[in-house]
Protein backbone atom coordinates (compact mmCIF):
# COMPACT_ATOMS: atom_id res chain seq x y z
CA UNK A 1 91.75 29.52 -89.85
CA UNK A 2 90.20 33.14 -88.58
CA UNK A 3 92.86 35.58 -86.80
CA UNK A 4 91.34 34.92 -83.33
CA UNK A 5 91.98 30.92 -83.65
CA UNK A 6 95.53 31.52 -85.30
CA UNK A 7 96.05 33.81 -82.55
CA UNK A 8 95.32 31.00 -79.72
CA UNK A 9 97.04 28.47 -81.74
CA UNK A 10 100.31 30.59 -81.88
CA UNK A 11 99.92 31.58 -78.27
CA UNK A 12 99.72 27.87 -77.57
CA UNK A 13 103.01 27.22 -79.47
CA UNK A 14 104.66 29.87 -77.20
CA UNK A 15 103.52 28.45 -74.23
CA UNK A 16 104.92 25.00 -74.66
CA UNK A 17 107.52 25.64 -77.00
CA UNK A 18 110.67 23.28 -77.04
CA UNK A 19 109.91 21.38 -73.72
CA UNK A 20 112.96 20.08 -71.85
CA UNK A 21 112.93 16.17 -72.25
CA UNK A 22 113.91 15.60 -68.56
CA UNK A 23 114.80 12.12 -67.28
CA UNK A 24 114.47 11.63 -63.06
CA UNK A 25 117.88 10.99 -61.29
CA UNK A 26 116.64 10.71 -57.92
CA UNK A 27 113.10 10.88 -56.04
CA UNK A 28 112.61 11.25 -52.51
CA UNK A 29 109.46 11.45 -50.48
CA UNK A 30 111.82 13.58 -47.89
CA UNK A 31 115.43 14.39 -48.00
CA UNK A 32 117.95 13.14 -44.90
CA UNK A 33 121.40 14.13 -43.73
CA UNK A 34 124.57 11.94 -43.36
CA UNK A 35 124.58 12.78 -39.83
CA UNK A 36 127.78 13.61 -37.87
CA UNK A 37 128.92 10.54 -35.63
CA UNK A 38 131.02 10.64 -32.88
CA UNK A 39 130.81 11.31 -28.82
CA UNK A 40 129.86 14.61 -28.91
CA UNK A 41 126.51 15.50 -27.62
CA UNK A 42 126.08 18.50 -30.04
CA UNK A 43 125.85 15.54 -32.79
CA UNK A 44 122.86 13.99 -31.40
CA UNK A 45 121.24 17.10 -30.95
CA UNK A 46 121.70 18.17 -34.69
CA UNK A 47 119.88 14.89 -35.70
CA UNK A 48 116.82 15.71 -33.46
CA UNK A 49 116.21 19.12 -34.13
CA UNK A 50 116.30 18.16 -38.08
CA UNK A 51 113.01 19.21 -39.47
CA UNK A 52 112.45 17.41 -43.01
CA UNK A 53 109.45 18.93 -43.98
CA UNK A 54 111.21 22.55 -44.13
CA UNK A 55 114.01 21.62 -46.43
CA UNK A 56 113.52 23.75 -49.61
CA UNK A 57 116.53 24.25 -52.36
CA UNK A 58 116.96 27.35 -53.06
CA UNK A 59 120.37 27.82 -55.58
CA UNK A 60 122.32 25.09 -57.36
CA UNK A 61 125.60 24.35 -59.04
CA UNK A 62 127.19 21.47 -60.49
CA UNK A 63 130.86 20.84 -61.17
CA UNK A 64 132.19 17.01 -62.18
CA UNK A 65 130.31 14.55 -60.54
CA UNK A 66 129.01 16.58 -57.80
CA UNK A 67 126.03 18.81 -57.56
CA UNK A 68 126.06 21.32 -54.64
CA UNK A 69 122.58 22.55 -53.44
CA UNK A 70 122.02 25.85 -50.88
CA UNK A 71 119.00 25.12 -48.64
CA UNK A 72 116.85 27.98 -47.14
CA UNK A 73 117.73 28.78 -43.46
CA UNK A 74 114.28 27.50 -42.04
CA UNK A 75 113.64 26.00 -38.76
CA UNK A 76 115.74 22.67 -38.24
CA UNK A 77 117.85 22.96 -41.09
CA UNK A 78 121.15 22.01 -39.68
CA UNK A 79 123.25 22.97 -42.84
CA UNK A 80 122.45 25.48 -45.45
CA UNK A 81 125.06 24.11 -48.12
CA UNK A 82 124.96 20.42 -49.15
CA UNK A 83 126.29 18.36 -52.13
CA UNK A 84 124.92 15.29 -53.70
CA UNK A 85 126.57 12.69 -56.55
CA UNK A 86 125.19 13.36 -60.16
CA UNK A 87 125.29 9.34 -60.39
CA UNK A 88 124.59 6.59 -57.73
CA UNK A 89 124.49 2.73 -57.94
CA UNK A 90 122.26 2.15 -54.72
CA UNK A 91 118.76 1.78 -55.01
CA UNK A 92 118.13 4.43 -52.35
CA UNK A 93 118.49 8.43 -53.52
CA UNK A 94 121.32 9.78 -51.67
CA UNK A 95 121.28 11.64 -48.58
CA UNK A 96 122.65 15.48 -48.17
CA UNK A 97 126.01 15.72 -46.94
CA UNK A 98 127.19 19.09 -45.79
CA UNK A 99 129.82 20.79 -47.82
CA UNK A 100 132.72 21.02 -47.28
CA UNK A 101 131.67 19.42 -43.39
CA UNK A 102 129.75 19.68 -40.32
CA UNK A 103 132.61 21.70 -38.75
CA UNK A 104 131.73 24.51 -41.17
CA UNK A 105 127.95 24.53 -40.22
CA UNK A 106 128.20 25.66 -36.68
CA UNK A 107 125.45 28.17 -35.55
CA UNK A 108 126.31 31.70 -34.64
CA UNK A 109 129.56 30.98 -35.30
CA UNK A 110 131.20 33.91 -37.68
CA UNK A 111 134.38 31.51 -38.91
CA UNK A 112 131.75 29.44 -40.50
CA UNK A 113 128.49 29.38 -43.33
CA UNK A 114 125.49 30.85 -41.56
CA UNK A 115 122.51 31.15 -44.68
CA UNK A 116 124.12 29.64 -48.03
CA UNK A 117 122.73 31.77 -50.70
CA UNK A 118 123.54 32.00 -54.46
CA UNK A 119 126.12 29.50 -55.72
CA UNK A 120 128.36 29.27 -58.94
CA UNK A 121 131.26 27.22 -60.10
CA UNK A 122 134.40 28.41 -62.40
CA UNK A 123 136.13 26.83 -65.04
CA UNK A 124 139.21 26.75 -62.74
CA UNK A 125 137.64 24.10 -60.32
CA UNK A 126 136.04 26.67 -57.31
CA UNK A 127 132.84 26.66 -55.70
CA UNK A 128 131.73 30.39 -55.21
CA UNK A 129 129.37 30.94 -52.15
CA UNK A 130 127.01 33.47 -51.04
CA UNK A 131 126.62 33.80 -47.11
CA UNK A 132 124.11 36.22 -45.93
CA UNK A 133 125.45 35.61 -42.39
CA UNK A 134 123.17 36.02 -39.53
CA UNK A 135 122.18 38.35 -36.84
CA UNK A 136 125.43 38.33 -34.89
CA UNK A 137 127.64 37.36 -38.56
CA UNK A 138 128.13 39.56 -41.07
CA UNK A 139 127.90 38.60 -44.83
CA UNK A 140 130.71 37.30 -46.97
CA UNK A 141 131.74 35.39 -50.09
CA UNK A 142 133.36 31.69 -49.85
CA UNK A 143 135.57 30.66 -52.51
CA UNK A 144 136.33 26.51 -52.20
CA UNK A 145 138.98 25.05 -54.29
CA UNK A 146 137.00 21.53 -55.74
CA UNK A 147 140.45 20.33 -56.97
CA UNK A 148 142.46 20.42 -53.97
CA UNK A 149 140.17 18.36 -51.34
CA UNK A 150 137.43 21.27 -51.00
CA UNK A 151 139.87 23.51 -49.57
CA UNK A 152 138.89 26.90 -48.51
CA UNK A 153 140.83 29.35 -50.79
CA UNK A 154 139.47 32.74 -49.78
CA UNK A 155 136.61 34.24 -47.49
CA UNK A 156 135.53 37.64 -48.33
CA UNK A 157 133.65 39.45 -45.55
CA UNK A 158 131.79 42.49 -47.07
CA UNK A 159 132.38 45.58 -45.59
CA UNK A 160 129.65 47.59 -44.00
CA UNK A 161 129.78 50.43 -46.65
CA UNK A 162 129.13 47.53 -49.14
CA UNK A 163 126.83 45.19 -47.73
CA UNK A 164 124.96 46.49 -44.25
CA UNK A 165 126.47 45.05 -41.41
CA UNK A 166 122.64 45.33 -39.98
CA UNK A 167 120.92 41.93 -40.62
CA UNK A 168 117.83 43.52 -40.98
CA UNK A 169 119.25 45.66 -43.81
CA UNK A 170 120.41 43.04 -46.34
CA UNK A 171 119.26 40.09 -47.89
CA UNK A 172 122.06 38.93 -50.29
CA UNK A 173 120.59 36.33 -53.11
CA UNK A 174 122.04 35.26 -56.08
CA UNK A 175 125.33 35.46 -57.88
CA UNK A 176 126.89 35.03 -61.25
CA UNK A 177 130.47 35.06 -62.32
CA UNK A 178 132.19 36.97 -65.41
CA UNK A 179 135.57 35.84 -66.29
CA UNK A 180 137.67 38.52 -67.78
CA UNK A 181 141.26 38.10 -69.23
CA UNK A 182 143.04 38.21 -65.58
CA UNK A 183 139.81 38.28 -63.17
CA UNK A 184 136.75 36.98 -61.75
CA UNK A 185 134.09 39.30 -61.31
CA UNK A 186 131.04 38.41 -59.12
CA UNK A 187 127.79 40.20 -59.47
CA UNK A 188 125.42 39.80 -56.54
CA UNK A 189 122.12 41.18 -55.85
CA UNK A 190 120.80 42.35 -52.33
CA UNK A 191 117.21 42.46 -52.18
CA UNK A 192 117.06 44.80 -49.51
CA UNK A 193 119.18 47.92 -50.85
CA UNK A 194 119.11 49.77 -54.32
CA UNK A 195 122.30 48.41 -55.68
CA UNK A 196 124.27 45.64 -56.99
CA UNK A 197 127.18 44.07 -55.20
CA UNK A 198 130.41 43.66 -57.27
CA UNK A 199 133.35 41.78 -56.07
CA UNK A 200 136.90 41.21 -57.72
CA UNK A 201 138.89 38.39 -57.00
CA UNK A 202 142.05 39.50 -57.98
CA UNK A 203 141.96 42.73 -55.71
CA UNK A 204 139.84 40.65 -52.91
CA UNK A 205 138.05 44.05 -53.15
CA UNK A 206 134.27 44.63 -53.43
CA UNK A 207 131.81 47.53 -53.71
CA UNK A 208 128.41 48.65 -54.80
CA UNK A 209 127.20 50.07 -57.83
CA UNK A 210 123.87 52.19 -57.03
CA UNK A 211 120.57 51.75 -59.10
CA UNK A 212 118.12 54.20 -57.31
CA UNK A 213 114.85 52.94 -56.57
CA UNK A 214 115.22 49.46 -57.69
CA UNK A 215 116.12 46.40 -55.69
CA UNK A 216 116.92 43.34 -57.19
CA UNK A 217 116.58 39.22 -56.62
CA UNK A 218 117.62 37.24 -59.41
CA UNK A 219 120.36 37.77 -62.18
CA UNK A 220 121.44 36.53 -65.20
CA UNK A 221 124.72 37.28 -67.33
CA UNK A 222 124.49 37.10 -71.03
CA UNK A 223 127.65 35.40 -73.21
CA UNK A 224 128.59 38.11 -75.29
CA UNK A 225 131.78 39.52 -73.70
CA UNK A 226 131.94 42.39 -76.24
CA UNK A 227 128.74 44.01 -75.06
CA UNK A 228 127.93 41.75 -71.64
CA UNK A 229 124.53 42.41 -70.11
CA UNK A 230 123.52 41.42 -66.59
CA UNK A 231 119.84 40.78 -66.57
CA UNK A 232 117.75 41.46 -63.00
CA UNK A 233 114.45 40.54 -62.00
CA UNK A 234 113.13 43.67 -59.91
CA UNK A 235 112.06 42.71 -56.02
CA UNK A 236 108.29 42.33 -55.55
CA UNK A 237 108.03 42.41 -59.27
CA UNK A 238 107.60 40.51 -62.65
CA UNK A 239 109.69 43.33 -64.42
CA UNK A 240 112.95 42.11 -66.13
CA UNK A 241 115.67 44.81 -66.55
CA UNK A 242 119.18 44.87 -68.21
CA UNK A 243 122.48 46.79 -67.61
CA UNK A 244 125.67 46.65 -69.06
CA UNK A 245 128.54 45.19 -66.97
CA UNK A 246 130.95 47.98 -68.19
CA UNK A 247 128.68 50.21 -65.70
CA UNK A 248 129.45 48.01 -62.94
CA UNK A 249 133.05 48.17 -62.76
CA UNK A 250 133.65 51.35 -61.22
CA UNK A 251 133.26 51.83 -57.39
CA UNK A 252 130.79 54.14 -55.91
CA UNK A 253 128.88 55.03 -59.32
CA UNK A 254 125.21 54.38 -60.45
CA UNK A 255 123.93 52.35 -63.45
CA UNK A 256 121.15 52.94 -65.76
CA UNK A 257 118.88 49.99 -66.29
CA UNK A 258 116.65 49.29 -69.13
CA UNK A 259 113.22 47.81 -68.64
CA UNK A 260 112.95 44.65 -71.03
CA UNK A 261 109.79 43.15 -70.37
CA UNK A 262 107.82 41.54 -67.75
CA UNK A 263 107.22 37.95 -66.88
CA UNK A 264 104.14 35.98 -65.99
CA UNK A 265 105.68 35.47 -62.69
CA UNK A 266 108.28 36.55 -60.41
CA UNK A 267 111.56 34.69 -61.40
CA UNK A 268 113.40 33.13 -58.40
CA UNK A 269 116.23 31.65 -61.01
CA UNK A 270 117.38 32.65 -64.06
CA UNK A 271 120.39 31.54 -66.51
CA UNK A 272 121.37 32.31 -69.80
CA UNK A 273 123.05 29.30 -72.28
CA UNK A 274 125.66 29.77 -74.55
CA UNK A 275 123.24 30.21 -77.21
CA UNK A 276 121.73 33.19 -75.38
CA UNK A 277 118.73 31.74 -74.38
CA UNK A 278 117.71 32.92 -70.64
CA UNK A 279 115.75 30.18 -68.57
CA UNK A 280 113.38 31.21 -65.65
CA UNK A 281 111.86 29.53 -62.64
CA UNK A 282 109.29 31.25 -60.65
CA UNK A 283 107.71 31.53 -57.01
CA UNK A 284 104.51 29.67 -56.79
CA UNK A 285 104.19 28.81 -60.54
CA UNK A 286 104.56 25.57 -61.61
CA UNK A 287 106.29 26.07 -64.88
CA UNK A 288 109.59 27.32 -66.27
CA UNK A 289 109.83 29.84 -68.99
CA UNK A 290 112.61 30.79 -71.39
CA UNK A 291 113.28 33.59 -74.01
CA UNK A 292 116.35 34.09 -76.82
CA UNK A 293 117.84 37.54 -75.60
CA UNK A 294 118.95 38.16 -79.31
CA UNK A 295 115.10 38.39 -80.21
CA UNK A 296 112.57 41.12 -78.73
CA UNK A 297 111.25 39.94 -75.47
CA UNK A 298 108.79 36.76 -75.72
CA UNK A 299 107.85 34.45 -72.98
CA UNK A 300 107.93 30.76 -73.93
CA UNK A 301 106.94 28.48 -71.28
CA UNK A 302 109.17 25.20 -71.88
CA UNK A 303 108.26 22.89 -68.85
CA UNK A 304 104.99 22.33 -66.65
CA UNK A 305 104.22 20.17 -63.68
CA UNK A 306 101.06 19.67 -61.54
CA UNK A 307 99.45 21.08 -58.48
CA UNK A 308 101.95 23.04 -56.19
CA UNK A 309 99.82 24.20 -53.59
CA UNK A 310 101.64 25.55 -50.86
CA UNK A 311 104.98 25.04 -52.56
CA UNK A 312 106.73 28.55 -52.81
CA UNK A 313 109.74 27.80 -54.78
CA UNK A 314 109.37 24.72 -56.91
CA UNK A 315 112.31 24.59 -58.97
CA UNK A 316 116.18 25.52 -58.98
CA UNK A 317 118.57 24.67 -61.70
CA UNK A 318 121.93 24.68 -63.17
CA UNK A 319 124.08 24.03 -66.52
CA UNK A 320 127.13 21.65 -66.23
CA UNK A 321 129.97 21.40 -68.32
CA UNK A 322 128.69 19.10 -70.73
CA UNK A 323 125.69 20.80 -71.84
CA UNK A 324 123.29 19.36 -69.29
CA UNK A 325 120.47 20.99 -67.76
CA UNK A 326 120.02 19.68 -64.05
CA UNK A 327 116.95 20.68 -62.19
CA UNK A 328 115.19 20.05 -58.63
CA UNK A 329 111.57 19.92 -58.61
CA UNK A 330 109.56 20.13 -55.63
CA UNK A 331 105.64 18.93 -56.04
CA UNK A 332 102.57 17.99 -54.45
CA UNK A 333 101.25 14.46 -55.42
CA UNK A 334 98.75 12.06 -54.09
CA UNK A 335 98.68 14.88 -51.06
CA UNK A 336 102.15 14.77 -50.02
CA UNK A 337 105.18 16.27 -51.00
CA UNK A 338 108.04 14.88 -53.30
CA UNK A 339 111.15 15.89 -54.44
CA UNK A 340 112.70 15.03 -57.81
CA UNK A 341 116.25 15.87 -59.30
CA UNK A 342 115.84 15.75 -63.00
CA UNK A 343 118.40 16.22 -66.22
CA UNK A 344 117.99 17.20 -69.82
CA UNK A 345 120.66 17.30 -72.55
CA UNK A 346 120.62 20.98 -73.80
CA UNK A 347 123.34 20.82 -75.80
CA UNK A 348 124.21 24.35 -74.60
CA UNK A 349 126.82 25.27 -71.68
CA UNK A 350 127.25 28.03 -69.58
CA UNK A 351 129.03 31.02 -70.69
CA UNK A 352 131.98 30.81 -68.79
CA UNK A 353 133.06 27.58 -69.93
CA UNK A 354 134.62 26.57 -73.06
CA UNK A 355 136.74 23.56 -74.34
CA UNK A 356 140.02 25.11 -73.36
CA UNK A 357 138.89 25.80 -69.77
CA UNK A 358 136.82 22.82 -68.71
CA UNK A 359 138.38 21.29 -66.00
CA UNK A 360 135.40 19.22 -64.62
CA UNK A 361 137.00 15.73 -65.68
CA UNK A 362 140.34 16.71 -64.03
CA UNK A 363 141.36 14.46 -61.26
C-alpha cells in the first residue's frame, strides 16, 4: 500500500473509530407537554401559545429512572426544564413534564426558573440547574433534592460582580461539578464575559476567575483528582483549551489557559468519562467525536447521522451511574423533523460517581 493510500486508510479509521451501538428508546414526530389542568385561565393560555417546532433540547442530566432536559427558551416554549422516564411501557412516546412543577416556570417571576441552561446531577441525589434569568431577573443556580420529593434545597443568586445583572452582558451556559473531600464546586461558562464562574456549595458563595481575551461556551472536567483539568471550548471558535482547577479556587484571580487543539466544529456539549475519553457534539454538524485526553490531541468521529439542514444543535447527551450513554438526536428525515432518545452501553461512568457514592437506586 502506498504512503498516500495508507494515510487515507488511517484517516478513515480515525473518523469512524469505535462507533456507538445505540438503541432507540423513544421517537417523536413532535414533542408535547403534560399540560396543567384546573380552572385557572392561564392554564389554557400556556397550551395555546405552545410552538412544538421551536423545541430544541440544550442540556441533559440523568439520575435513577429519570432523564432531565433543558430546552432553549425560544418563542412558544412554556417551560425550559423538563423530565422524562428512562423507560416506559406505553406505545406512545412520553410527554414532557415540567420540573419540578408548572408553578416554578412562571414567566417574569424572579422566584421561578426563567431560562434553564446547563444541568448536572451529583452522587448525593441532587439536580443542579444553571438559570440565565431574564431581562428582569438575575441569573442563579438551583439545587433540587431528587431523593426528597424534588424539593428546592438551595437557590444561589449570582451577585453583579460575578455575573452581570444586565441581561445583554451575560450568557450562562454549561456547568460541571467537582466533588472535593468536603464540598461541591461548580464551574460555569459565561460566553459573554472573559471569565469562568465558580460556585462553592459549602460556603454558598460564587466568584469569577479571569481568562483575558477568551470567552467560553462548553466545558468538561477530567477524572484525575490529583491534577484535575477543566477543558473549555472558546466562544466563536473551534479551539479547545484546558486549565488546572487549582487556578480556579481563589476569588478574584486569573487563570492561565493552554491551547490543546482545534475540533472540526464548534462543540456545543462535552463530557469526559472515567476512562479519560472526552466526547463532543457540535453545532450544525451531523456527528459526535471523541478524544482520549491521556494522549496527544486527535479527534475521532464516533457517531454520524444523515442530513441536518436547519438543525443547529442536533445532539445533547449525558452519562448515568450505570455507564449508559444517553443522547437526544434531532434530524431531518423525509422532509420533516424527527426527534429520538437513544442509549448505548459505554461501560465507563462520570468521574463524579463511584461504587460507594452511587445513590441513584435509593428509594
